[in-house]
Structures are given as structure tokens and as C-alpha cells.
Protein backbone atom coordinates (compact mmCIF):
# COMPACT_ATOMS: atom_id res chain seq x y z
CA UNK A 1 124.58 110.84 85.15
CA UNK A 2 121.87 112.62 87.13
CA UNK A 3 121.30 111.72 90.74
CA UNK A 4 118.55 112.44 93.23
CA UNK A 5 118.55 116.19 93.48
CA UNK A 6 116.74 117.07 96.68
CA UNK A 7 113.24 118.15 95.63
CA UNK A 8 113.89 120.89 93.08
CA UNK A 9 110.90 120.11 90.85
CA UNK A 10 107.26 121.14 90.96
CA UNK A 11 104.55 119.12 89.26
CA UNK A 12 104.25 121.42 86.27
CA UNK A 13 108.00 121.23 85.64
CA UNK A 14 107.76 117.52 84.87
CA UNK A 15 105.45 117.62 81.83
CA UNK A 16 106.54 119.78 78.89
CA UNK A 17 103.27 119.18 77.00
CA UNK A 18 101.01 119.21 80.06
CA UNK A 19 99.86 116.36 82.34
CA UNK A 20 97.31 114.89 79.91
CA UNK A 21 97.70 111.29 78.75
CA UNK A 22 97.31 109.92 75.21
CA UNK A 23 95.61 106.58 74.63
CA UNK A 24 97.74 104.39 72.34
CA UNK A 25 95.74 101.14 72.27
CA UNK A 26 92.71 99.59 73.97
CA UNK A 27 90.49 96.52 74.10
CA UNK A 28 92.48 94.46 76.61
CA UNK A 29 91.34 92.76 79.84
CA UNK A 30 93.86 94.11 82.37
CA UNK A 31 97.25 95.46 81.36
CA UNK A 32 100.43 95.37 83.45
CA UNK A 33 104.23 95.09 83.41
CA UNK A 34 105.35 97.52 80.64
CA UNK A 35 109.02 97.32 79.62
CA UNK A 36 110.79 99.10 76.73
CA UNK A 37 113.46 97.40 74.62
CA UNK A 38 116.29 99.93 74.10
CA UNK A 39 117.57 98.40 70.86
CA UNK A 40 114.34 97.19 69.27
CA UNK A 41 112.48 100.37 70.31
CA UNK A 42 109.29 98.55 71.23
CA UNK A 43 107.22 98.02 74.37
CA UNK A 44 106.19 94.70 75.88
CA UNK A 45 103.30 94.54 78.32
CA UNK A 46 101.19 91.89 80.01
CA UNK A 47 97.47 91.23 79.69
CA UNK A 48 97.15 88.89 82.67
CA UNK A 49 93.53 87.70 82.52
CA UNK A 50 93.96 87.16 78.78
CA UNK A 51 97.10 85.08 79.43
CA UNK A 52 98.94 86.95 76.69
CA UNK A 53 101.99 89.17 76.37
CA UNK A 54 101.69 91.99 73.85
CA UNK A 55 104.11 94.14 71.89
CA UNK A 56 103.56 97.74 70.81
CA UNK A 57 105.78 100.00 68.72
CA UNK A 58 105.25 103.54 67.39
CA UNK A 59 103.21 103.51 64.20
CA UNK A 60 101.96 99.97 64.79
CA UNK A 61 99.08 98.36 66.66
CA UNK A 62 99.50 96.20 69.77
CA UNK A 63 100.27 92.66 68.64
CA UNK A 64 100.49 89.33 70.45
CA UNK A 65 104.04 88.41 71.43
CA UNK A 66 103.39 85.26 73.47
CA UNK A 67 100.33 83.14 74.22
CA UNK A 68 100.02 81.54 76.69
CA UNK A 69 102.20 83.75 78.87
CA UNK A 70 101.72 81.95 82.20
CA UNK A 71 99.69 85.04 83.15
CA UNK A 72 102.89 87.04 83.43
CA UNK A 73 102.86 90.28 85.37
CA UNK A 74 105.93 92.44 86.01
CA UNK A 75 108.84 92.29 83.55
CA UNK A 76 112.25 93.87 83.18
CA UNK A 77 115.49 93.31 81.30
CA UNK A 78 118.85 92.46 82.80
CA UNK A 79 122.09 94.04 81.60
CA UNK A 80 122.30 91.45 78.77
CA UNK A 81 118.77 92.35 77.65
CA UNK A 82 117.43 88.96 78.67
CA UNK A 83 113.80 89.30 79.76
CA UNK A 84 113.06 88.71 83.47
CA UNK A 85 109.42 87.73 84.00
CA UNK A 86 107.10 87.27 86.99
CA UNK A 87 104.64 84.46 86.22
CA UNK A 88 101.38 84.35 88.16
CA UNK A 89 100.24 80.97 86.87
CA UNK A 90 103.43 79.14 87.84
CA UNK A 91 104.60 81.21 90.85
CA UNK A 92 108.02 81.55 89.22
CA UNK A 93 110.50 84.19 88.18
CA UNK A 94 112.05 83.23 84.85
CA UNK A 95 114.69 84.66 82.54
CA UNK A 96 114.05 84.40 78.81
CA UNK A 97 116.98 84.51 76.39
CA UNK A 98 115.94 84.05 72.78
CA UNK A 99 113.82 80.91 72.61
CA UNK A 100 115.11 79.48 75.89
CA UNK A 101 113.93 80.12 79.43
CA UNK A 102 115.35 79.31 82.86
CA UNK A 103 113.78 79.51 86.30
CA UNK A 104 115.59 81.70 88.83
CA UNK A 105 113.05 81.47 91.68
CA UNK A 106 110.08 79.19 92.36
CA UNK A 107 110.21 77.98 95.99
CA UNK A 108 111.33 79.19 99.40
CA UNK A 109 112.04 76.71 102.22
CA UNK A 110 110.54 73.98 100.06
CA UNK A 111 107.23 75.80 99.56
CA UNK A 112 105.96 77.33 96.36
CA UNK A 113 106.20 81.11 96.13
CA UNK A 114 102.87 82.94 96.29
CA UNK A 115 102.90 84.67 92.89
CA UNK A 116 105.87 86.89 91.96
CA UNK A 117 104.43 90.23 90.96
CA UNK A 118 106.96 92.93 90.08
CA UNK A 119 110.70 92.79 89.48
CA UNK A 120 113.82 94.94 89.06
CA UNK A 121 117.50 94.28 88.37
CA UNK A 122 120.23 96.10 90.27
CA UNK A 123 123.62 97.19 88.93
CA UNK A 124 125.38 94.22 90.56
CA UNK A 125 123.11 91.76 88.73
CA UNK A 126 120.82 91.03 91.69
CA UNK A 127 117.13 90.47 90.94
CA UNK A 128 114.60 91.82 93.47
CA UNK A 129 110.93 90.86 93.33
CA UNK A 130 107.73 91.11 95.35
CA UNK A 131 105.56 88.09 96.13
CA UNK A 132 101.92 88.85 97.06
CA UNK A 133 99.04 86.40 96.51
CA UNK A 134 97.21 88.10 93.62
CA UNK A 135 98.23 85.35 91.20
CA UNK A 136 96.33 82.82 93.30
CA UNK A 137 93.08 84.64 92.62
CA UNK A 138 90.71 83.85 89.74
CA UNK A 139 91.28 85.88 86.59
CA UNK A 140 94.65 87.36 87.48
CA UNK A 141 96.14 83.91 88.01
CA UNK A 142 95.07 80.40 88.96
CA UNK A 143 93.01 79.92 92.10
CA UNK A 144 94.87 77.67 94.54
CA UNK A 145 95.85 77.46 98.19
CA UNK A 146 98.73 79.53 99.52
CA UNK A 147 101.71 77.45 100.69
CA UNK A 148 103.70 80.21 102.42
CA UNK A 149 102.12 82.02 105.38
CA UNK A 150 103.59 85.44 104.54
CA UNK A 151 104.00 87.84 101.62
CA UNK A 152 107.55 89.04 101.13
CA UNK A 153 110.26 90.72 99.12
CA UNK A 154 113.09 88.55 97.76
CA UNK A 155 116.53 88.94 96.21
CA UNK A 156 118.25 86.56 93.81
CA UNK A 157 121.96 87.32 94.16
CA UNK A 158 124.41 87.22 91.23
CA UNK A 159 125.32 83.63 92.15
CA UNK A 160 121.67 82.60 91.76
CA UNK A 161 120.86 82.11 95.47
CA UNK A 162 117.46 83.22 96.76
CA UNK A 163 117.22 85.42 99.88
CA UNK A 164 114.11 86.52 101.74
CA UNK A 165 114.64 90.22 102.50
CA UNK A 166 111.37 91.31 104.13
CA UNK A 167 108.42 89.19 105.28
CA UNK A 168 105.99 91.55 107.03
CA UNK A 169 104.09 93.14 104.13
CA UNK A 170 100.32 92.83 103.86
CA UNK A 171 100.54 92.93 100.04
CA UNK A 172 103.95 93.89 98.59
CA UNK A 173 103.64 95.11 95.04
CA UNK A 174 105.65 97.74 93.14
CA UNK A 175 109.34 98.29 93.81
CA UNK A 176 112.04 100.55 92.42
CA UNK A 177 115.52 101.91 93.16
CA UNK A 178 116.59 105.46 93.87
CA UNK A 179 118.74 106.95 91.08
CA UNK A 180 121.93 106.47 93.12
CA UNK A 181 121.07 102.81 93.78
CA UNK A 182 121.40 103.21 97.54
CA UNK A 183 117.72 102.93 98.47
CA UNK A 184 114.77 100.77 97.49
CA UNK A 185 111.13 101.78 97.56
CA UNK A 186 108.49 99.04 98.01
CA UNK A 187 104.79 99.74 98.24
CA UNK A 188 102.08 97.84 100.08
CA UNK A 189 98.77 97.76 98.22
CA UNK A 190 96.65 96.72 101.18
CA UNK A 191 98.13 99.25 103.62
CA UNK A 192 98.21 101.95 100.90
CA UNK A 193 101.73 103.18 101.64
CA UNK A 194 105.33 103.17 100.42
CA UNK A 195 108.25 101.92 102.51
CA UNK A 196 111.92 102.73 101.88
CA UNK A 197 114.99 100.63 102.67
CA UNK A 198 118.72 101.19 102.56
CA UNK A 199 120.61 98.72 100.37
CA UNK A 200 123.72 97.21 101.95
CA UNK A 201 126.94 96.47 100.10
CA UNK A 202 125.87 92.81 99.99
CA UNK A 203 122.43 93.69 98.57
CA UNK A 204 120.45 93.24 101.79
CA UNK A 205 117.61 95.61 102.66
CA UNK A 206 117.99 97.45 105.98
CA UNK A 207 116.73 100.49 107.93
CA UNK A 208 113.07 100.04 107.05
CA UNK A 209 110.84 103.11 107.41
CA UNK A 210 107.66 104.53 105.89
CA UNK A 211 108.37 106.90 103.01
CA UNK A 212 104.81 107.98 102.13
CA UNK A 213 101.53 106.91 103.83
CA UNK A 214 97.87 107.18 102.88
CA UNK A 215 97.81 106.64 99.12
CA UNK A 216 94.06 106.26 99.07
CA UNK A 217 92.09 103.78 101.14
CA UNK A 218 93.43 100.48 99.83
CA UNK A 219 90.25 99.89 97.78
CA UNK A 220 91.29 98.09 94.57
CA UNK A 221 88.34 99.57 92.66
CA UNK A 222 89.56 103.16 93.16
CA UNK A 223 93.23 102.43 92.58
CA UNK A 224 95.97 101.42 95.00
CA UNK A 225 99.78 101.54 95.19
CA UNK A 226 100.68 98.98 92.54
CA UNK A 227 103.24 99.86 89.87
CA UNK A 228 105.96 102.30 90.92
CA UNK A 229 108.93 103.94 89.19
CA UNK A 230 111.48 106.71 89.87
CA UNK A 231 112.69 109.39 87.47
CA UNK A 232 116.28 110.59 87.13
CA UNK A 233 115.55 113.44 89.53
CA UNK A 234 114.46 111.04 92.27
CA UNK A 235 110.72 111.74 92.00
CA UNK A 236 108.57 108.69 92.75
CA UNK A 237 105.65 107.84 90.43
CA UNK A 238 103.15 105.45 92.02
CA UNK A 239 99.69 104.26 91.00
CA UNK A 240 96.82 105.32 93.23
CA UNK A 241 93.28 106.70 93.21
CA UNK A 242 92.66 108.70 90.04
CA UNK A 243 95.83 107.76 88.22
CA UNK A 244 99.51 108.21 89.08
CA UNK A 245 100.70 110.12 92.14
CA UNK A 246 104.02 111.95 91.88
CA UNK A 247 106.04 112.34 95.09
CA UNK A 248 109.30 114.23 95.55
CA UNK A 249 112.48 112.60 96.92
CA UNK A 250 111.69 114.33 100.23
CA UNK A 251 108.24 112.68 100.38
CA UNK A 252 106.27 115.76 99.30
CA UNK A 253 103.15 115.14 97.22
CA UNK A 254 103.63 117.03 93.94
CA UNK A 255 100.48 116.17 92.02
CA UNK A 256 98.61 113.50 90.09
CA UNK A 257 98.61 112.38 86.47
CA UNK A 258 94.92 111.80 85.86
CA UNK A 259 94.16 108.61 83.93
CA UNK A 260 90.59 107.62 82.97
CA UNK A 261 91.08 103.99 84.05
CA UNK A 262 92.60 102.28 87.09
CA UNK A 263 96.36 102.15 86.52
CA UNK A 264 98.29 98.92 87.08
CA UNK A 265 101.84 99.96 86.19
CA UNK A 266 104.04 102.31 84.18
CA UNK A 267 107.57 102.56 82.77
CA UNK A 268 109.71 104.89 80.71
CA UNK A 269 110.72 104.29 77.12
CA UNK A 270 111.16 106.00 73.80
CA UNK A 271 114.43 107.02 72.15
CA UNK A 272 115.27 109.47 74.95
CA UNK A 273 113.52 107.65 77.87
CA UNK A 274 111.11 110.56 78.33
CA UNK A 275 107.92 108.74 77.32
CA UNK A 276 106.08 107.30 80.29
CA UNK A 277 104.00 104.32 79.14
CA UNK A 278 100.98 103.61 81.34
CA UNK A 279 99.14 100.29 81.61
CA UNK A 280 95.62 101.11 82.83
CA UNK A 281 93.03 98.34 82.91
CA UNK A 282 91.82 97.91 79.31
CA UNK A 283 94.18 100.40 77.65
CA UNK A 284 97.74 101.53 77.06
CA UNK A 285 98.45 105.25 77.49
CA UNK A 286 101.49 107.50 77.37
CA UNK A 287 102.64 110.93 78.52
CA UNK A 288 105.78 112.92 77.75
CA UNK A 289 107.93 113.85 80.74
CA UNK A 290 110.65 116.47 81.07
CA UNK A 291 112.85 114.18 83.16
CA UNK A 292 113.68 110.66 81.94
CA UNK A 293 113.38 107.53 84.01
CA UNK A 294 116.16 106.74 86.47
CA UNK A 295 118.83 104.72 84.69
CA UNK A 296 118.69 100.93 85.00
CA UNK A 297 121.44 98.65 83.65
CA UNK A 298 119.35 97.57 80.65
CA UNK A 299 118.69 101.17 79.61
CA UNK A 300 122.40 101.77 79.01
CA UNK A 301 122.41 99.05 76.35
CA UNK A 302 120.58 101.38 73.97
CA UNK A 303 121.96 103.55 71.20
CA UNK A 304 121.46 106.80 73.10
CA UNK A 305 124.24 108.32 75.16
CA UNK A 306 124.21 108.30 78.92
CA UNK A 307 123.48 112.03 78.83
CA UNK A 308 119.97 111.30 77.57
CA UNK A 309 119.20 109.85 81.00
CA UNK A 310 120.11 113.03 82.84
CA UNK A 311 117.32 114.97 84.50
């Protein structure tokens, strides 16, 4: 399987058909949280203000999958293909399996979480998620007072225990793992930067440092660091002013995928994991990439061979 390869790509190398996006569907309120099902070959995504989860598949229109959705935001699958969901309206992280659902995180030190925002699953089964306050704002969640006095990053270990990993973010948002699973990137929307952490053998986050600063001004209207993903070559894709910024593993700005609306999040899918689906305000877009997304445990549950995830 491909690993981070030390900045061998230029921006033009990443897009075999050019860096122009295709609009797949529109007419939503604010889209977020795209996740591709490797067996069903369909995309789920959130429409938070509409309190609905939608499903899109090639050759079909975007259809409702769940309403109400508890104003869900970020979603991922675990290795069993159970759906892990961040719920703004309830301040919970839940795992859906078929028609059943269980809560894996809702409180810390007896206080309700702010509003879990984005989520990933590691190879050992740990669940990491960010917890800013956006889901306590009108529209994107339910307006209510904040119980915790910080905004942090958490880990649910394989035994189901909740751990606070970092508590000094202004607004933690997108997070993703390096292809080798040894590092975690977490962005801060308010400070407009990306931080990087080493991941210990026990799953703890250590050796905090800034990976990439100055992704715009932090103005939500122009686009901020929000959704973030890594490809199999270690390149970081992060939302920002004008669309999606692409940054090499060595923190070199490569270029920008221009998107006509403010982008909330993105994720790879398709039969070969080379279609980057983009949730941007009222619409769903896509772009073909030369390098697939970095392999996550759920991606290996598909019908394609592991070689399809090589960069």
C-alpha cells in the first residue's frame, strides 16, 4: 500500500482531467460530511440546516436517507461498515448499525459535549472527533448555552472509554490521518491553520506543532479550514478561501481546486477511490484525482483490491 512519499507531486499531477469540478446535485441548504459506502457504491452527506441526511449514487438524484437527522455533520464508517455520526442537535457521537443506534460519546466530566463536528476511525478501532460549538448556533444546530469551557479533540478507545486529547483549540474542525497512521492533522477554523500531532502506541496525541498557517483570514463567509482529507501520497486537502487548498506532506502549498461555493467538506469515493466528492454550501460537486484517498479501515471492505488505493 502506498505511503507518504515526501513531496513528489505538483498540483497538475493530481488531476488527470484538469482541476475543474463537476456539479452533481444542488438545491440544498448547507451540505457537509460526505462518506462513500464501498459495497453499496453510494454517497451519504449531511444537510445540517435542513435536518436531513441525503444519499447520492451515480445515475440517480440525491434522495433523502434520514429525516430528522439530529442535524448530523461529519460521518465515517468503522471497519464493520457501521456508520459513525456526529450529531449537532444532541451533542453526541453515535454508531448506527442497521436500524439500531448506540451512543459512544455525549458528556465529558459530567458536562454535555459542545457539538461533535468531524470524525475518523483509526486502524485500532479508536474513534477521534472534534468538538467545537457550531452546533449550538441557530441553523447549524440548536441554540443553547455551552456547558464546557473549552473546545477540544477527543478519542474513544476500542474499549469505549472517552479521552480528552487536546483542549486548547479556538475552533477544532476537520481532522485526518497521515497514510502511515503515525500522525494526525487537525485544523482550527478560527485561527485559520492546521496542526499536526504524533500518535502514540496507545492512541494519544503528542508533539503538537503547526503544520500549515494562514489559510485565509478566518472569515466564514470567504471559506475557512473546515473539512480536511489526505490522499495516498500524503497530500493534504483542506477547505479554505476559494475552494480546496492542496498542501504537500512537507507543508508546501501546491495549488487550489476552485469551487464556486464555500466548501464545507470533501471525501474520496467511487469504485477506485479516485473521485473526490465535495460538499459546498447548496451543492454537491466532484473532481477526478490521479491519486486515491489515503486508505481507511472501512475502504478495505470494498470489492476493489488494496492496489487500487496506491498512489
